[in-house]
């Protein structure tokens, strides 16, 4: 008896739906607009398309060239990715106003950045602001994504020669490129956000030691 009811009940609901007028399907609720939670203003009219939080334990060696500016320890951080219709040249001029910035040759690879600190004492935030032209980055550095995946699978003793070859080409090692809190690492990590967009990108990575 229970088996009959198990199969009969869906049929009853189906007949009831077909016999009467169907209620209109509810319209989808629009997703709330994302906001920039950081105390670093975006370029005017930039649209936030992704916000992520992270917690990471780093060694002294892992702090080199990253937002982890307060030495080894545990950091809480946030990443904001935004899209902008402004030209890359305008964004590059804007980002350099923040302070210490990347070498001029980074622009040939489609990105530029500024790194600086905010706050003081235990509340000091390491902040990285990157601007990018995703099409140029993809064309110049996109091949590195597959290389990084293969690099991760290699034993340590085989990574050194590859690191040196890549450093001769782009001025940094694959180890640096893999770090999501470094300029090139954050740039490559955000690249997928712009696959369906014809816009430039802004990435802000901010971290503070707990």
N, C-alpha and C. Protein backbone atom coordinates (compact mmCIF):
# COMPACT_ATOMS: atom_id res chain seq x y z
N UNK A 1 0.83 -1.21 0.00
CA UNK A 1 0.00 0.00 0.00
C UNK A 1 0.86 1.25 0.00
N UNK A 2 1.93 1.20 0.79
CA UNK A 2 2.79 2.38 0.87
C UNK A 2 3.49 2.64 -0.45
N UNK A 3 3.85 1.53 -1.16
CA UNK A 3 4.51 1.70 -2.46
C UNK A 3 3.58 2.36 -3.46
N UNK A 4 2.32 2.01 -3.46
CA UNK A 4 1.36 2.60 -4.39
C UNK A 4 1.24 4.09 -4.14
N UNK A 5 1.15 4.49 -2.86
CA UNK A 5 1.01 5.90 -2.53
C UNK A 5 2.25 6.68 -2.93
N UNK A 6 3.41 6.05 -2.79
CA UNK A 6 4.65 6.75 -3.10
C UNK A 6 4.68 7.19 -4.56
N UNK A 7 4.18 6.36 -5.46
CA UNK A 7 4.18 6.70 -6.88
C UNK A 7 2.93 7.45 -7.30
N UNK A 8 1.83 7.28 -6.57
CA UNK A 8 0.57 7.91 -6.96
C UNK A 8 0.55 9.39 -6.61
N UNK A 9 1.18 9.79 -5.51
CA UNK A 9 1.10 11.18 -5.08
C UNK A 9 1.70 12.15 -6.10
N UNK A 10 2.85 11.89 -6.68
CA UNK A 10 3.33 12.82 -7.70
C UNK A 10 2.38 12.94 -8.87
N UNK A 11 1.71 11.83 -9.26
CA UNK A 11 0.76 11.88 -10.38
C UNK A 11 -0.43 12.77 -10.04
N UNK A 12 -0.90 12.70 -8.78
CA UNK A 12 -2.02 13.56 -8.35
C UNK A 12 -1.64 15.02 -8.46
N UNK A 13 -0.42 15.37 -8.02
CA UNK A 13 0.02 16.77 -8.09
C UNK A 13 0.16 17.22 -9.54
N UNK A 14 0.61 16.33 -10.41
CA UNK A 14 0.76 16.68 -11.81
C UNK A 14 -0.58 16.95 -12.46
N UNK A 15 -1.59 16.08 -12.16
CA UNK A 15 -2.93 16.27 -12.72
C UNK A 15 -3.55 17.57 -12.24
N UNK A 16 -3.36 17.86 -10.95
CA UNK A 16 -3.91 19.09 -10.40
C UNK A 16 -3.30 20.31 -11.08
N UNK A 17 -1.99 20.24 -11.38
CA UNK A 17 -1.34 21.37 -12.03
C UNK A 17 -1.85 21.56 -13.45
N UNK A 18 -2.15 20.44 -14.14
CA UNK A 18 -2.59 20.54 -15.52
C UNK A 18 -4.05 20.97 -15.63
N UNK A 19 -4.89 20.63 -14.62
CA UNK A 19 -6.31 20.92 -14.71
C UNK A 19 -6.64 22.37 -14.45
N UNK A 20 -5.84 23.06 -13.69
CA UNK A 20 -6.11 24.46 -13.38
C UNK A 20 -5.13 25.37 -14.10
N UNK A 21 -5.36 26.65 -14.01
CA UNK A 21 -4.44 27.60 -14.62
C UNK A 21 -3.15 27.63 -13.83
N UNK A 22 -2.04 27.64 -14.49
CA UNK A 22 -0.76 27.63 -13.81
C UNK A 22 -0.41 29.03 -13.33
N UNK A 23 0.07 29.09 -12.09
CA UNK A 23 0.50 30.38 -11.53
C UNK A 23 1.77 30.83 -12.24
N UNK A 24 1.89 32.10 -12.51
CA UNK A 24 3.10 32.58 -13.17
C UNK A 24 4.34 32.31 -12.33
N UNK A 25 5.40 31.93 -12.98
CA UNK A 25 6.64 31.66 -12.26
C UNK A 25 7.17 32.95 -11.65
N UNK A 26 7.63 32.87 -10.41
CA UNK A 26 8.15 34.09 -9.78
C UNK A 26 9.38 34.59 -10.52
N UNK A 27 9.47 35.89 -10.67
CA UNK A 27 10.63 36.47 -11.34
C UNK A 27 11.84 36.34 -10.43
N UNK A 28 13.02 36.08 -10.99
CA UNK A 28 14.21 35.90 -10.16
C UNK A 28 14.56 37.17 -9.41
N UNK A 29 14.98 36.99 -8.17
CA UNK A 29 15.38 38.13 -7.36
C UNK A 29 16.77 38.58 -7.77
N UNK A 30 16.94 39.83 -8.14
CA UNK A 30 18.27 40.28 -8.56
C UNK A 30 19.27 40.19 -7.42
N UNK A 31 20.48 39.80 -7.76
CA UNK A 31 21.53 39.72 -6.75
C UNK A 31 21.89 41.12 -6.26
N UNK A 32 22.09 41.26 -4.95
CA UNK A 32 22.46 42.60 -4.44
C UNK A 32 23.81 43.02 -5.01
N UNK A 33 23.96 44.30 -5.28
CA UNK A 33 25.21 44.82 -5.82
C UNK A 33 26.33 44.64 -4.79
N UNK A 34 27.48 44.19 -5.26
CA UNK A 34 28.62 44.02 -4.36
C UNK A 34 29.21 45.37 -4.01
N UNK A 35 29.73 45.47 -2.82
CA UNK A 35 30.33 46.72 -2.35
C UNK A 35 31.80 46.50 -2.01
N UNK A 36 32.56 47.55 -2.11
CA UNK A 36 33.96 47.52 -1.74
C UNK A 36 34.08 47.70 -0.23
N UNK A 37 34.50 46.66 0.53
CA UNK A 37 34.54 46.78 1.98
C UNK A 37 35.84 47.39 2.50
N UNK A 38 36.77 47.71 1.62
CA UNK A 38 38.08 48.18 2.05
C UNK A 38 38.13 49.70 2.09
N UNK A 39 39.05 50.21 2.87
CA UNK A 39 39.22 51.65 2.98
C UNK A 39 40.12 52.21 1.90
N UNK A 40 40.05 51.62 0.72
CA UNK A 40 40.82 52.08 -0.44
C UNK A 40 39.82 52.33 -1.56
N UNK A 41 39.71 53.58 -1.99
CA UNK A 41 38.71 53.93 -2.99
C UNK A 41 39.08 53.35 -4.36
N UNK A 42 38.07 52.85 -5.06
CA UNK A 42 38.26 52.36 -6.42
C UNK A 42 38.29 53.53 -7.41
N UNK A 43 38.70 53.24 -8.62
CA UNK A 43 38.63 54.24 -9.68
C UNK A 43 37.16 54.61 -9.89
N UNK A 44 36.86 55.89 -10.19
CA UNK A 44 35.46 56.31 -10.34
C UNK A 44 34.67 55.42 -11.31
N UNK A 45 33.47 55.05 -10.88
CA UNK A 45 32.51 54.27 -11.66
C UNK A 45 32.94 52.83 -11.94
N UNK A 46 33.97 52.36 -11.23
CA UNK A 46 34.34 50.94 -11.36
C UNK A 46 33.26 50.08 -10.70
N UNK A 47 33.00 48.91 -11.27
CA UNK A 47 31.96 48.01 -10.77
C UNK A 47 32.61 46.82 -10.05
N UNK A 48 32.26 46.63 -8.79
CA UNK A 48 32.79 45.49 -8.03
C UNK A 48 32.14 44.21 -8.54
N UNK A 49 32.96 43.23 -8.93
CA UNK A 49 32.42 41.98 -9.46
C UNK A 49 32.77 40.77 -8.59
N UNK A 50 33.64 40.93 -7.62
CA UNK A 50 33.97 39.82 -6.72
C UNK A 50 34.59 40.36 -5.44
N UNK A 51 34.22 39.76 -4.32
CA UNK A 51 34.79 40.09 -3.01
C UNK A 51 35.07 38.78 -2.30
N UNK A 52 36.29 38.60 -1.82
CA UNK A 52 36.66 37.37 -1.13
C UNK A 52 37.42 37.69 0.14
N UNK A 53 37.22 36.85 1.15
CA UNK A 53 37.99 36.95 2.39
C UNK A 53 38.91 35.74 2.49
N UNK A 54 40.04 35.90 3.16
CA UNK A 54 40.94 34.77 3.33
C UNK A 54 41.70 34.90 4.64
N UNK A 55 42.22 33.78 5.11
CA UNK A 55 43.11 33.73 6.26
C UNK A 55 44.29 32.86 5.87
N UNK A 56 45.50 33.33 6.11
CA UNK A 56 46.67 32.59 5.65
C UNK A 56 47.80 32.70 6.66
N UNK A 57 48.45 31.57 6.89
CA UNK A 57 49.64 31.51 7.72
C UNK A 57 50.85 31.56 6.80
N UNK A 58 51.77 32.49 7.03
CA UNK A 58 52.92 32.65 6.15
C UNK A 58 54.22 32.62 6.94
N UNK A 59 55.27 32.17 6.27
CA UNK A 59 56.62 32.20 6.82
C UNK A 59 57.30 33.49 6.39
N UNK A 60 58.48 33.74 6.96
CA UNK A 60 59.22 34.95 6.58
C UNK A 60 59.53 34.96 5.09
N UNK A 61 59.87 33.80 4.54
CA UNK A 61 60.19 33.72 3.12
C UNK A 61 58.99 34.07 2.25
N UNK A 62 57.79 33.71 2.72
CA UNK A 62 56.58 33.95 1.93
C UNK A 62 56.11 35.39 1.98
N UNK A 63 56.72 36.21 2.82
CA UNK A 63 56.30 37.61 2.91
C UNK A 63 56.95 38.48 1.84
N UNK A 64 57.99 37.98 1.18
CA UNK A 64 58.73 38.78 0.20
C UNK A 64 57.85 39.16 -0.99
N UNK A 65 57.74 40.45 -1.24
CA UNK A 65 56.99 40.93 -2.40
C UNK A 65 55.50 40.72 -2.32
N UNK A 66 54.94 40.61 -1.12
CA UNK A 66 53.51 40.38 -0.95
C UNK A 66 52.91 41.42 -0.02
N UNK A 67 51.61 41.28 0.27
CA UNK A 67 50.96 42.20 1.21
C UNK A 67 51.21 41.82 2.66
N UNK A 68 51.91 40.71 2.88
CA UNK A 68 52.17 40.26 4.25
C UNK A 68 53.40 40.98 4.78
N UNK A 69 53.24 42.27 5.03
CA UNK A 69 54.37 43.15 5.29
C UNK A 69 54.82 43.16 6.75
N UNK A 70 54.10 42.46 7.62
CA UNK A 70 54.41 42.53 9.05
C UNK A 70 55.13 41.28 9.54
N UNK A 71 55.77 40.55 8.63
CA UNK A 71 56.54 39.38 9.03
C UNK A 71 55.70 38.11 9.11
N UNK A 72 56.34 37.04 9.53
CA UNK A 72 55.67 35.74 9.60
C UNK A 72 54.51 35.78 10.59
N UNK A 73 53.49 34.99 10.31
CA UNK A 73 52.34 34.93 11.21
C UNK A 73 51.07 34.59 10.46
N UNK A 74 49.94 34.80 11.12
CA UNK A 74 48.63 34.55 10.51
C UNK A 74 47.99 35.87 10.12
N UNK A 75 47.52 35.94 8.89
CA UNK A 75 46.94 37.17 8.37
C UNK A 75 45.49 36.95 7.97
N UNK A 76 44.67 37.95 8.25
CA UNK A 76 43.31 38.01 7.72
C UNK A 76 43.31 39.02 6.58
N UNK A 77 42.68 38.65 5.50
CA UNK A 77 42.72 39.55 4.35
C UNK A 77 41.44 39.54 3.54
N UNK A 78 41.37 40.48 2.61
CA UNK A 78 40.25 40.57 1.68
C UNK A 78 40.78 40.91 0.30
N UNK A 79 40.08 40.42 -0.70
CA UNK A 79 40.40 40.74 -2.08
C UNK A 79 39.15 41.28 -2.77
N UNK A 80 39.31 42.38 -3.47
CA UNK A 80 38.22 42.99 -4.23
C UNK A 80 38.63 43.04 -5.70
N UNK A 81 37.76 42.55 -6.56
CA UNK A 81 38.00 42.60 -8.01
C UNK A 81 36.91 43.48 -8.61
N UNK A 82 37.31 44.44 -9.44
CA UNK A 82 36.36 45.37 -10.05
C UNK A 82 36.65 45.51 -11.53
N UNK A 83 35.62 45.87 -12.29
CA UNK A 83 35.74 46.10 -13.73
C UNK A 83 35.58 47.58 -14.01
N UNK A 84 36.33 48.08 -14.98
CA UNK A 84 36.28 49.50 -15.32
C UNK A 84 36.29 49.67 -16.83
N UNK A 85 35.56 50.68 -17.32
CA UNK A 85 35.57 51.02 -18.74
C UNK A 85 36.70 51.98 -19.09
N UNK A 86 37.43 52.45 -18.08
CA UNK A 86 38.52 53.38 -18.34
C UNK A 86 39.65 52.67 -19.10
N UNK A 87 40.44 53.44 -19.81
CA UNK A 87 41.56 52.86 -20.54
C UNK A 87 42.64 52.39 -19.55
N UNK A 88 43.46 51.46 -20.01
CA UNK A 88 44.54 50.97 -19.15
C UNK A 88 45.51 52.10 -18.82
N UNK A 89 45.76 53.00 -19.78
CA UNK A 89 46.68 54.11 -19.53
C UNK A 89 46.18 55.00 -18.39
N UNK A 90 44.88 55.26 -18.36
CA UNK A 90 44.32 56.08 -17.28
C UNK A 90 44.41 55.36 -15.94
N UNK A 91 44.13 54.06 -15.95
CA UNK A 91 44.20 53.30 -14.69
C UNK A 91 45.64 53.21 -14.18
N UNK A 92 46.59 53.05 -15.11
CA UNK A 92 47.99 52.97 -14.70
C UNK A 92 48.45 54.29 -14.07
N UNK A 93 48.01 55.40 -14.64
CA UNK A 93 48.36 56.71 -14.06
C UNK A 93 47.72 56.87 -12.69
N UNK A 94 46.51 56.35 -12.54
CA UNK A 94 45.80 56.45 -11.26
C UNK A 94 46.47 55.61 -10.19
N UNK A 95 46.86 54.39 -10.50
CA UNK A 95 47.38 53.48 -9.47
C UNK A 95 48.73 53.96 -8.95
N UNK A 96 49.47 54.66 -9.78
CA UNK A 96 50.79 55.11 -9.35
C UNK A 96 50.73 56.25 -8.34
N UNK A 97 49.55 56.79 -8.13
CA UNK A 97 49.40 57.84 -7.11
C UNK A 97 49.39 57.26 -5.70
N UNK A 98 49.21 55.96 -5.58
CA UNK A 98 49.12 55.35 -4.25
C UNK A 98 50.46 55.26 -3.54
N UNK A 99 51.57 55.28 -4.27
CA UNK A 99 52.86 55.18 -3.61
C UNK A 99 53.79 54.25 -4.38
N UNK A 100 54.55 53.43 -3.65
CA UNK A 100 55.53 52.54 -4.27
C UNK A 100 54.85 51.68 -5.32
N UNK A 101 55.37 51.73 -6.55
CA UNK A 101 54.68 51.05 -7.63
C UNK A 101 55.64 50.11 -8.37
N UNK A 102 55.05 49.33 -9.24
CA UNK A 102 55.82 48.34 -9.98
C UNK A 102 56.75 48.98 -11.00
N UNK A 103 57.76 48.23 -11.45
CA UNK A 103 58.66 48.76 -12.48
C UNK A 103 57.91 49.02 -13.78
N UNK A 104 58.42 49.93 -14.58
CA UNK A 104 57.72 50.33 -15.80
C UNK A 104 57.48 49.20 -16.78
N UNK A 105 58.36 48.15 -16.75
CA UNK A 105 58.20 47.09 -17.73
C UNK A 105 57.01 46.18 -17.47
N UNK A 106 56.37 46.30 -16.30
CA UNK A 106 55.18 45.46 -16.06
C UNK A 106 54.05 45.83 -17.01
N UNK A 107 54.03 47.09 -17.47
CA UNK A 107 52.94 47.52 -18.33
C UNK A 107 52.93 46.81 -19.68
N UNK A 108 54.09 46.36 -20.14
CA UNK A 108 54.11 45.63 -21.40
C UNK A 108 53.42 44.28 -21.28
N UNK A 109 53.26 43.80 -20.04
CA UNK A 109 52.55 42.55 -19.80
C UNK A 109 51.08 42.78 -19.47
N UNK A 110 50.65 44.05 -19.49
CA UNK A 110 49.24 44.34 -19.32
C UNK A 110 48.79 44.63 -17.91
N UNK A 111 49.73 44.86 -16.99
CA UNK A 111 49.31 45.22 -15.64
C UNK A 111 50.30 46.19 -15.01
N UNK A 112 49.83 46.88 -13.98
CA UNK A 112 50.66 47.78 -13.19
C UNK A 112 50.11 47.72 -11.78
N UNK A 113 50.90 48.19 -10.82
CA UNK A 113 50.44 48.06 -9.43
C UNK A 113 51.14 49.04 -8.51
N UNK A 114 50.56 49.19 -7.33
CA UNK A 114 51.17 49.96 -6.25
C UNK A 114 51.01 49.15 -4.96
N UNK A 115 52.06 49.15 -4.15
CA UNK A 115 52.03 48.46 -2.85
C UNK A 115 52.33 49.47 -1.76
N UNK A 116 51.58 49.43 -0.68
CA UNK A 116 51.76 50.39 0.40
C UNK A 116 51.17 49.83 1.69
N UNK A 117 51.38 50.55 2.78
CA UNK A 117 50.84 50.16 4.08
C UNK A 117 49.86 51.21 4.56
N UNK A 118 48.85 50.73 5.29
CA UNK A 118 47.85 51.62 5.89
C UNK A 118 47.76 51.33 7.37
N UNK A 119 47.50 52.36 8.19
CA UNK A 119 47.38 52.16 9.62
C UNK A 119 48.73 52.16 10.29
N UNK A 120 48.76 51.70 11.55
CA UNK A 120 50.01 51.70 12.31
C UNK A 120 49.96 50.60 13.37
N UNK A 121 51.14 50.21 13.84
CA UNK A 121 51.21 49.20 14.90
C UNK A 121 50.61 47.88 14.49
N UNK A 122 49.89 47.25 15.43
CA UNK A 122 49.28 45.96 15.14
C UNK A 122 48.17 46.05 14.10
N UNK A 123 47.70 47.26 13.84
CA UNK A 123 46.64 47.42 12.86
C UNK A 123 47.14 47.79 11.48
N UNK A 124 48.44 47.59 11.22
CA UNK A 124 48.99 47.95 9.91
C UNK A 124 48.53 46.97 8.85
N UNK A 125 47.95 47.50 7.80
CA UNK A 125 47.49 46.68 6.67
C UNK A 125 48.49 46.79 5.53
N UNK A 126 48.87 45.65 4.99
CA UNK A 126 49.61 45.65 3.74
C UNK A 126 48.60 45.64 2.60
N UNK A 127 48.75 46.54 1.65
CA UNK A 127 47.75 46.70 0.58
C UNK A 127 48.42 46.71 -0.78
N UNK A 128 47.80 46.01 -1.70
CA UNK A 128 48.28 45.93 -3.07
C UNK A 128 47.13 46.31 -3.99
N UNK A 129 47.33 47.30 -4.85
CA UNK A 129 46.32 47.71 -5.82
C UNK A 129 46.88 47.45 -7.22
N UNK A 130 46.18 46.64 -7.99
CA UNK A 130 46.62 46.25 -9.32
C UNK A 130 45.62 46.74 -10.35
N UNK A 131 46.10 47.23 -11.47
CA UNK A 131 45.24 47.53 -12.61
C UNK A 131 45.71 46.66 -13.77
N UNK A 132 44.79 46.23 -14.60
CA UNK A 132 45.17 45.28 -15.65
C UNK A 132 44.31 45.43 -16.89
N UNK A 133 44.90 45.10 -18.02
CA UNK A 133 44.17 44.93 -19.27
C UNK A 133 44.12 43.42 -19.50
N UNK A 134 42.99 42.77 -19.18
CA UNK A 134 42.93 41.31 -19.22
C UNK A 134 43.32 40.70 -20.56
N UNK A 135 43.00 41.37 -21.67
CA UNK A 135 43.34 40.83 -22.98
C UNK A 135 44.85 40.79 -23.18
N UNK A 136 45.54 41.84 -22.76
CA UNK A 136 47.00 41.87 -22.91
C UNK A 136 47.64 40.87 -21.95
N UNK A 137 47.15 40.81 -20.70
CA UNK A 137 47.69 39.85 -19.74
C UNK A 137 47.52 38.43 -20.27
N UNK A 138 46.34 38.13 -20.79
CA UNK A 138 46.08 36.80 -21.32
C UNK A 138 47.00 36.46 -22.48
N UNK A 139 47.25 37.45 -23.33
CA UNK A 139 48.10 37.22 -24.50
C UNK A 139 49.57 37.07 -24.10
N UNK A 140 50.02 37.87 -23.13
CA UNK A 140 51.42 37.87 -22.75
C UNK A 140 51.77 36.82 -21.70
N UNK A 141 50.85 36.58 -20.77
CA UNK A 141 51.18 35.72 -19.63
C UNK A 141 50.25 34.53 -19.46
N UNK A 142 49.22 34.43 -20.32
CA UNK A 142 48.25 33.35 -20.16
C UNK A 142 48.88 31.97 -20.20
N UNK A 143 49.94 31.82 -21.01
CA UNK A 143 50.60 30.51 -21.10
C UNK A 143 51.21 30.08 -19.77
N UNK A 144 51.46 31.05 -18.89
CA UNK A 144 52.04 30.71 -17.59
C UNK A 144 51.09 29.91 -16.72
N UNK A 145 49.78 30.05 -16.95
CA UNK A 145 48.81 29.34 -16.11
C UNK A 145 49.00 27.83 -16.22
N UNK A 146 49.15 27.33 -17.46
CA UNK A 146 49.39 25.91 -17.63
C UNK A 146 50.75 25.50 -17.10
N UNK A 147 51.74 26.37 -17.27
CA UNK A 147 53.08 26.09 -16.78
C UNK A 147 53.09 26.00 -15.26
N UNK A 148 52.32 26.87 -14.60
CA UNK A 148 52.23 26.85 -13.15
C UNK A 148 51.66 25.52 -12.65
N UNK A 149 50.63 25.02 -13.34
CA UNK A 149 50.04 23.75 -12.94
C UNK A 149 51.06 22.62 -13.04
N UNK A 150 51.84 22.59 -14.11
CA UNK A 150 52.87 21.56 -14.26
C UNK A 150 53.98 21.75 -13.24
N UNK A 151 54.30 23.00 -12.96
CA UNK A 151 55.36 23.33 -11.99
C UNK A 151 55.01 22.79 -10.60
N UNK A 152 53.75 22.91 -10.23
CA UNK A 152 53.33 22.44 -8.92
C UNK A 152 53.55 20.94 -8.73
N UNK A 153 53.48 20.19 -9.82
CA UNK A 153 53.60 18.74 -9.73
C UNK A 153 55.05 18.26 -9.72
N UNK A 154 56.00 19.18 -9.94
CA UNK A 154 57.41 18.79 -10.01
C UNK A 154 58.04 18.69 -8.62
N UNK A 155 59.01 17.81 -8.45
CA UNK A 155 59.77 17.78 -7.19
C UNK A 155 60.61 19.04 -7.05
N UNK A 156 60.97 19.37 -5.84
CA UNK A 156 61.65 20.63 -5.55
C UNK A 156 62.92 20.83 -6.37
N UNK A 157 63.72 19.76 -6.54
CA UNK A 157 65.02 19.92 -7.21
C UNK A 157 64.87 20.26 -8.70
N UNK A 158 63.69 20.01 -9.28
CA UNK A 158 63.49 20.30 -10.70
C UNK A 158 62.92 21.70 -10.93
N UNK A 159 62.53 22.39 -9.86
CA UNK A 159 61.89 23.69 -10.02
C UNK A 159 62.89 24.82 -10.25
N UNK A 160 64.09 24.68 -9.70
CA UNK A 160 65.09 25.74 -9.78
C UNK A 160 65.40 26.19 -11.20
N UNK A 161 65.77 25.27 -12.11
CA UNK A 161 66.08 25.68 -13.49
C UNK A 161 64.90 26.36 -14.18
N UNK A 162 63.69 25.88 -13.94
CA UNK A 162 62.50 26.49 -14.56
C UNK A 162 62.30 27.90 -14.00
N UNK A 163 62.48 28.06 -12.70
CA UNK A 163 62.36 29.38 -12.09
C UNK A 163 63.31 30.38 -12.75
N UNK A 164 64.54 29.95 -12.98
CA UNK A 164 65.53 30.85 -13.57
C UNK A 164 65.18 31.21 -15.01
N UNK A 165 64.67 30.24 -15.77
CA UNK A 165 64.28 30.53 -17.15
C UNK A 165 63.15 31.55 -17.21
N UNK A 166 62.16 31.35 -16.32
CA UNK A 166 61.03 32.27 -16.30
C UNK A 166 61.46 33.65 -15.82
N UNK A 167 62.37 33.69 -14.85
CA UNK A 167 62.84 34.97 -14.33
C UNK A 167 63.57 35.76 -15.41
N UNK A 168 64.35 35.07 -16.25
CA UNK A 168 65.03 35.76 -17.35
C UNK A 168 64.04 36.36 -18.33
N UNK A 169 62.88 35.72 -18.47
CA UNK A 169 61.89 36.19 -19.43
C UNK A 169 61.05 37.33 -18.90
N UNK A 170 60.56 37.21 -17.66
CA UNK A 170 59.62 38.22 -17.14
C UNK A 170 60.09 38.92 -15.87
N UNK A 171 61.31 38.58 -15.41
CA UNK A 171 61.85 39.28 -14.25
C UNK A 171 61.40 38.76 -12.91
N UNK A 172 60.72 37.63 -12.88
CA UNK A 172 60.29 37.04 -11.61
C UNK A 172 60.18 35.54 -11.79
N UNK A 173 60.25 34.80 -10.67
CA UNK A 173 60.20 33.35 -10.73
C UNK A 173 58.76 32.86 -10.76
N UNK A 174 58.59 31.59 -11.12
CA UNK A 174 57.26 30.99 -11.06
C UNK A 174 56.77 30.90 -9.63
N UNK A 175 57.69 30.72 -8.69
CA UNK A 175 57.30 30.68 -7.28
C UNK A 175 56.61 31.98 -6.89
N UNK A 176 57.17 33.11 -7.35
CA UNK A 176 56.54 34.41 -7.08
C UNK A 176 55.21 34.54 -7.81
N UNK A 177 55.18 34.03 -9.05
CA UNK A 177 53.96 34.15 -9.85
C UNK A 177 52.82 33.33 -9.27
N UNK A 178 53.13 32.28 -8.52
CA UNK A 178 52.10 31.42 -7.94
C UNK A 178 51.47 32.03 -6.70
N UNK A 179 52.15 33.00 -6.09
CA UNK A 179 51.67 33.52 -4.80
C UNK A 179 50.51 34.48 -5.04
N UNK A 180 49.30 34.15 -4.54
CA UNK A 180 48.12 34.99 -4.82
C UNK A 180 48.16 36.36 -4.18
N UNK A 181 49.11 36.59 -3.27
CA UNK A 181 49.21 37.91 -2.63
C UNK A 181 50.35 38.73 -3.22
N UNK A 182 50.96 38.25 -4.30
CA UNK A 182 51.99 39.01 -5.01
C UNK A 182 51.35 39.68 -6.23
N UNK A 183 51.97 40.70 -6.80
CA UNK A 183 51.34 41.40 -7.93
C UNK A 183 50.98 40.50 -9.10
N UNK A 184 51.92 39.69 -9.56
CA UNK A 184 51.61 38.87 -10.73
C UNK A 184 50.69 37.71 -10.35
N UNK A 185 50.84 37.19 -9.13
CA UNK A 185 49.97 36.10 -8.69
C UNK A 185 48.52 36.54 -8.61
N UNK A 186 48.29 37.72 -8.04
CA UNK A 186 46.92 38.24 -7.93
C UNK A 186 46.36 38.59 -9.30
N UNK A 187 47.22 39.07 -10.21
CA UNK A 187 46.77 39.39 -11.57
C UNK A 187 46.31 38.14 -12.29
N UNK A 188 47.13 37.10 -12.25
CA UNK A 188 46.77 35.85 -12.93
C UNK A 188 45.55 35.20 -12.30
N UNK A 189 45.44 35.29 -10.96
CA UNK A 189 44.29 34.68 -10.28
C UNK A 189 42.98 35.35 -10.67
N UNK A 190 43.03 36.66 -10.98
CA UNK A 190 41.80 37.40 -11.31
C UNK A 190 41.46 37.32 -12.79
N UNK A 191 42.34 36.76 -13.59
CA UNK A 191 42.15 36.79 -15.04
C UNK A 191 40.84 36.14 -15.48
N UNK A 192 40.46 35.06 -14.82
CA UNK A 192 39.25 34.34 -15.22
C UNK A 192 37.98 35.16 -15.02
N UNK A 193 38.02 36.16 -14.15
CA UNK A 193 36.85 37.00 -13.90
C UNK A 193 36.47 37.84 -15.12
N UNK A 194 37.39 37.97 -16.09
CA UNK A 194 37.18 38.88 -17.22
C UNK A 194 37.05 38.14 -18.54
N UNK A 195 36.85 36.83 -18.49
CA UNK A 195 36.74 36.07 -19.73
C UNK A 195 35.55 36.51 -20.58
N UNK A 196 34.46 36.91 -19.93
CA UNK A 196 33.26 37.32 -20.66
C UNK A 196 33.05 38.83 -20.63
N UNK A 197 34.08 39.59 -20.31
CA UNK A 197 33.95 41.03 -20.18
C UNK A 197 34.94 41.75 -21.10
N UNK A 198 34.50 42.83 -21.68
CA UNK A 198 35.37 43.68 -22.47
C UNK A 198 35.67 44.94 -21.65
N UNK A 199 36.47 44.77 -20.62
CA UNK A 199 36.77 45.87 -19.71
C UNK A 199 38.15 45.67 -19.12
N UNK A 200 38.64 46.70 -18.45
CA UNK A 200 39.87 46.59 -17.72
C UNK A 200 39.56 46.15 -16.28
N UNK A 201 40.57 45.75 -15.56
CA UNK A 201 40.35 45.22 -14.22
C UNK A 201 41.13 45.96 -13.15
N UNK A 202 40.57 45.94 -11.95
CA UNK A 202 41.24 46.47 -10.76
C UNK A 202 41.16 45.38 -9.70
N UNK A 203 42.29 45.09 -9.07
CA UNK A 203 42.33 44.10 -8.00
C UNK A 203 42.97 44.75 -6.78
N UNK A 204 42.29 44.68 -5.65
CA UNK A 204 42.86 45.18 -4.39
C UNK A 204 42.98 44.00 -3.44
N UNK A 205 44.19 43.76 -2.93
CA UNK A 205 44.41 42.73 -1.94
C UNK A 205 44.91 43.42 -0.68
N UNK A 206 44.26 43.14 0.45
CA UNK A 206 44.57 43.82 1.70
C UNK A 206 44.67 42.78 2.80
N UNK A 207 45.71 42.87 3.65
CA UNK A 207 45.88 41.88 4.72
C UNK A 207 46.45 42.54 5.96
N UNK A 208 46.04 42.04 7.11
CA UNK A 208 46.54 42.54 8.39
C UNK A 208 46.86 41.34 9.27
N UNK A 209 47.96 41.43 9.98
CA UNK A 209 48.37 40.34 10.87
C UNK A 209 47.47 40.29 12.09
N UNK A 210 47.06 39.10 12.44
CA UNK A 210 46.16 38.92 13.59
C UNK A 210 46.94 39.10 14.89
